[in-house]
Amino acid sequence: MIEQPAYTGFGFSDEEWGLLVGLPQAVLTAASAAESDGTKRTMAENAAGLDTISAGRESASPLVAAVAGEIVVRVGDPEAGAELPAIEPADPRAMIDDVLARAGQATTLLAAKVDEGQAGAYRHWLVEIAEQVVGAASSGGILGIGGDVVSDSERRFRDRLAQVLND
């Protein structure tokens, strides 16, 4: 007997599942790119984001748990020492706009395919990923002292994401 992929149980196509699985990591990268603050801080942001993604495996939402499990299989488990590379997009604004557009597509997709509880849990999880990333390392300051925990550009991204996701 051939085992069906997890997404078929939720009624998603391969392309739709790809959107849902790719979005959490894209949110992590966009949240980190919202403020350019050096490799060390970017690595801290990546670690916080990957931890939040990984924690999704324990979600009461079967959808969030399945998506998080798939991501951890693909990129590695932070509990086993997996780290994401520091990605600095050439055009952070365009990347952020793309992520926000995909978040809007995911919102529409979820409204059509799953109940509001599942959709809401997924949307809230994405905002939580952004929240953890933008709060993981201070921006500005000198030699790591001072600065803002969450910069204006990071706050703007997080708020725009929450608005697009209706969360």
Protein backbone atom coordinates (compact mmCIF):
# COMPACT_ATOMS: atom_id res chain seq x y z
CA MET A 1 0.00 0.00 0.00
CA ILE A 2 1.30 3.44 -0.94
CA GLU A 3 1.30 5.97 1.88
CA GLN A 4 -0.35 9.27 1.00
CA PRO A 5 1.45 12.54 1.75
CA ALA A 6 0.26 14.30 4.93
CA TYR A 7 -1.24 17.21 3.03
CA THR A 8 -3.82 15.06 1.27
CA GLY A 9 -5.54 14.51 4.61
CA PHE A 10 -6.12 18.26 4.81
CA GLY A 11 -7.35 18.48 1.21
CA PHE A 12 -4.39 20.45 -0.15
CA SER A 13 -2.68 19.98 -3.49
CA ASP A 14 1.09 19.62 -3.66
CA GLU A 15 1.40 23.28 -4.73
CA GLU A 16 -0.87 24.51 -1.92
CA TRP A 17 1.05 22.47 0.64
CA GLY A 18 4.29 23.95 -0.72
CA LEU A 19 2.94 27.44 -0.02
CA LEU A 20 1.98 26.54 3.56
CA VAL A 21 5.27 24.74 4.29
CA GLY A 22 7.45 27.41 2.68
CA LEU A 23 5.79 30.38 4.34
CA PRO A 24 7.00 29.97 7.96
CA GLN A 25 10.66 29.96 6.93
CA ALA A 26 10.01 32.86 4.52
CA VAL A 27 8.41 34.81 7.40
CA LEU A 28 11.49 34.10 9.50
CA THR A 29 13.79 35.40 6.75
CA ALA A 30 11.64 38.47 6.05
CA ALA A 31 11.40 39.35 9.74
CA SER A 32 15.16 39.10 10.03
CA ALA A 33 15.70 41.13 6.84
CA ALA A 34 13.39 43.91 8.06
CA GLU A 35 16.40 45.36 9.88
CA SER A 36 19.96 44.74 8.76
CA ASP A 37 21.83 44.13 11.98
CA GLY A 38 24.85 41.95 11.30
CA THR A 39 25.59 38.25 11.07
CA LYS A 40 25.66 37.55 14.83
CA ARG A 41 22.23 39.11 15.40
CA THR A 42 20.84 37.50 12.25
CA MET A 43 21.98 34.10 13.54
CA ALA A 44 20.22 34.79 16.87
CA GLU A 45 17.07 35.75 14.98
CA ASN A 46 17.29 32.61 12.83
CA ALA A 47 17.70 30.44 15.93
CA ALA A 48 14.66 32.04 17.60
CA GLY A 49 12.60 31.59 14.44
CA LEU A 50 13.63 27.98 13.94
CA ASP A 51 12.86 27.23 17.60
CA THR A 52 9.37 28.71 17.14
CA ILE A 53 8.84 26.73 13.95
CA SER A 54 10.03 23.56 15.67
CA ALA A 55 7.75 24.20 18.67
CA GLY A 56 4.84 24.15 16.22
CA ARG A 57 5.19 20.35 16.17
CA GLU A 58 3.59 20.38 19.63
CA SER A 59 0.65 22.53 18.51
CA ALA A 60 -2.89 21.45 19.31
CA SER A 61 -3.61 22.26 15.66
CA PRO A 62 -3.00 19.20 13.46
CA LEU A 63 -2.30 21.54 10.53
CA VAL A 64 0.38 23.55 12.36
CA ALA A 65 1.91 20.35 13.77
CA ALA A 66 2.06 18.76 10.31
CA VAL A 67 3.57 21.85 8.65
CA ALA A 68 6.12 22.30 11.45
CA GLY A 69 7.05 18.62 11.29
CA GLU A 70 7.61 18.84 7.55
CA ILE A 71 9.82 21.92 7.93
CA VAL A 72 11.93 20.31 10.65
CA VAL A 73 12.40 17.24 8.42
CA ARG A 74 13.57 19.52 5.59
CA VAL A 75 15.84 21.95 7.48
CA GLY A 76 16.77 20.07 10.64
CA ASP A 77 15.79 20.04 14.28
CA PRO A 78 17.23 22.85 16.39
CA GLU A 79 17.19 20.49 19.37
CA ALA A 80 19.71 18.38 17.45
CA GLY A 81 21.89 21.41 16.71
CA ALA A 82 20.49 22.37 13.31
CA GLU A 83 21.01 26.00 12.34
CA LEU A 84 19.81 28.02 9.40
CA PRO A 85 22.33 29.95 7.33
CA ALA A 86 22.23 33.73 7.62
CA ILE A 87 20.37 34.89 4.51
CA GLU A 88 20.61 38.52 3.52
CA PRO A 89 18.38 39.12 0.51
CA ALA A 90 19.71 41.46 -2.18
CA ASP A 91 16.46 43.44 -2.05
CA PRO A 92 14.90 43.11 1.42
CA ARG A 93 11.87 45.29 0.55
CA ALA A 94 10.96 43.16 -2.48
CA MET A 95 11.43 40.00 -0.42
CA ILE A 96 9.22 41.35 2.37
CA ASP A 97 6.54 42.36 -0.16
CA ASP A 98 6.67 38.86 -1.68
CA VAL A 99 6.28 37.21 1.73
CA LEU A 100 3.33 39.45 2.58
CA ALA A 101 1.70 38.60 -0.78
CA ARG A 102 2.18 34.87 -0.11
CA ALA A 103 0.74 35.33 3.39
CA GLY A 104 -2.35 36.83 1.76
CA GLN A 105 -2.58 33.84 -0.60
CA ALA A 106 -2.27 31.47 2.35
CA THR A 107 -5.05 33.29 4.19
CA THR A 108 -7.36 32.91 1.19
CA LEU A 109 -6.37 29.26 0.73
CA LEU A 110 -6.94 28.40 4.39
CA ALA A 111 -10.36 30.08 4.40
CA ALA A 112 -11.38 27.86 1.49
CA LYS A 113 -9.90 24.56 2.71
CA VAL A 114 -9.92 24.27 6.51
CA ASP A 115 -12.07 25.35 9.44
CA GLU A 116 -11.42 28.67 11.17
CA GLY A 117 -9.73 26.99 14.15
CA GLN A 118 -7.05 25.43 11.93
CA ALA A 119 -6.71 28.55 9.80
CA GLY A 120 -6.47 30.80 12.85
CA ALA A 121 -3.86 28.60 14.51
CA TYR A 122 -1.68 28.66 11.38
CA ARG A 123 -2.01 32.43 10.93
CA HIS A 124 -1.25 33.08 14.60
CA TRP A 125 1.78 30.78 14.43
CA LEU A 126 3.21 32.82 11.53
CA VAL A 127 2.81 36.04 13.53
CA GLU A 128 4.44 34.34 16.54
CA ILE A 129 7.42 33.34 14.37
CA ALA A 130 7.81 36.96 13.26
CA GLU A 131 7.40 38.17 16.86
CA GLN A 132 10.13 35.84 18.14
CA VAL A 133 12.50 36.75 15.30
CA VAL A 134 12.17 40.53 15.67
CA GLY A 135 12.55 40.30 19.44
CA ALA A 136 15.57 37.98 19.40
CA ALA A 137 18.32 40.58 19.03
CA SER A 138 18.54 44.30 19.68
CA SER A 139 19.11 46.55 16.70
CA GLY A 140 21.32 49.60 16.85
CA GLY A 141 23.41 50.48 19.85
CA ILE A 142 27.16 50.17 20.16
CA LEU A 143 28.99 46.89 20.75
CA GLY A 144 25.72 45.16 21.56
CA ILE A 145 24.79 47.70 24.23
CA GLY A 146 21.69 49.82 23.88
CA GLY A 147 19.55 49.95 20.81
CA ASP A 148 15.97 48.90 20.34
CA VAL A 149 14.77 45.38 21.06
CA VAL A 150 12.35 45.76 18.15
CA SER A 151 13.17 48.42 15.57
CA ASP A 152 10.55 50.47 13.75
CA SER A 153 11.10 48.51 10.52
CA GLU A 154 10.79 45.18 12.34
CA ARG A 155 7.63 46.35 14.10
CA ARG A 156 6.23 47.54 10.76
CA PHE A 157 6.85 44.12 9.17
CA ARG A 158 5.30 42.25 12.09
CA ASP A 159 2.26 44.54 12.09
CA ARG A 160 1.81 44.32 8.32
CA LEU A 161 2.02 40.54 8.52
CA ALA A 162 -0.59 40.41 11.28
CA GLN A 163 -2.84 42.67 9.22
CA VAL A 164 -2.50 40.55 6.07
CA LEU A 165 -3.20 37.42 8.10
CA ASN A 166 -6.12 38.99 9.99
CA ASP A 167 -4.46 37.95 13.26
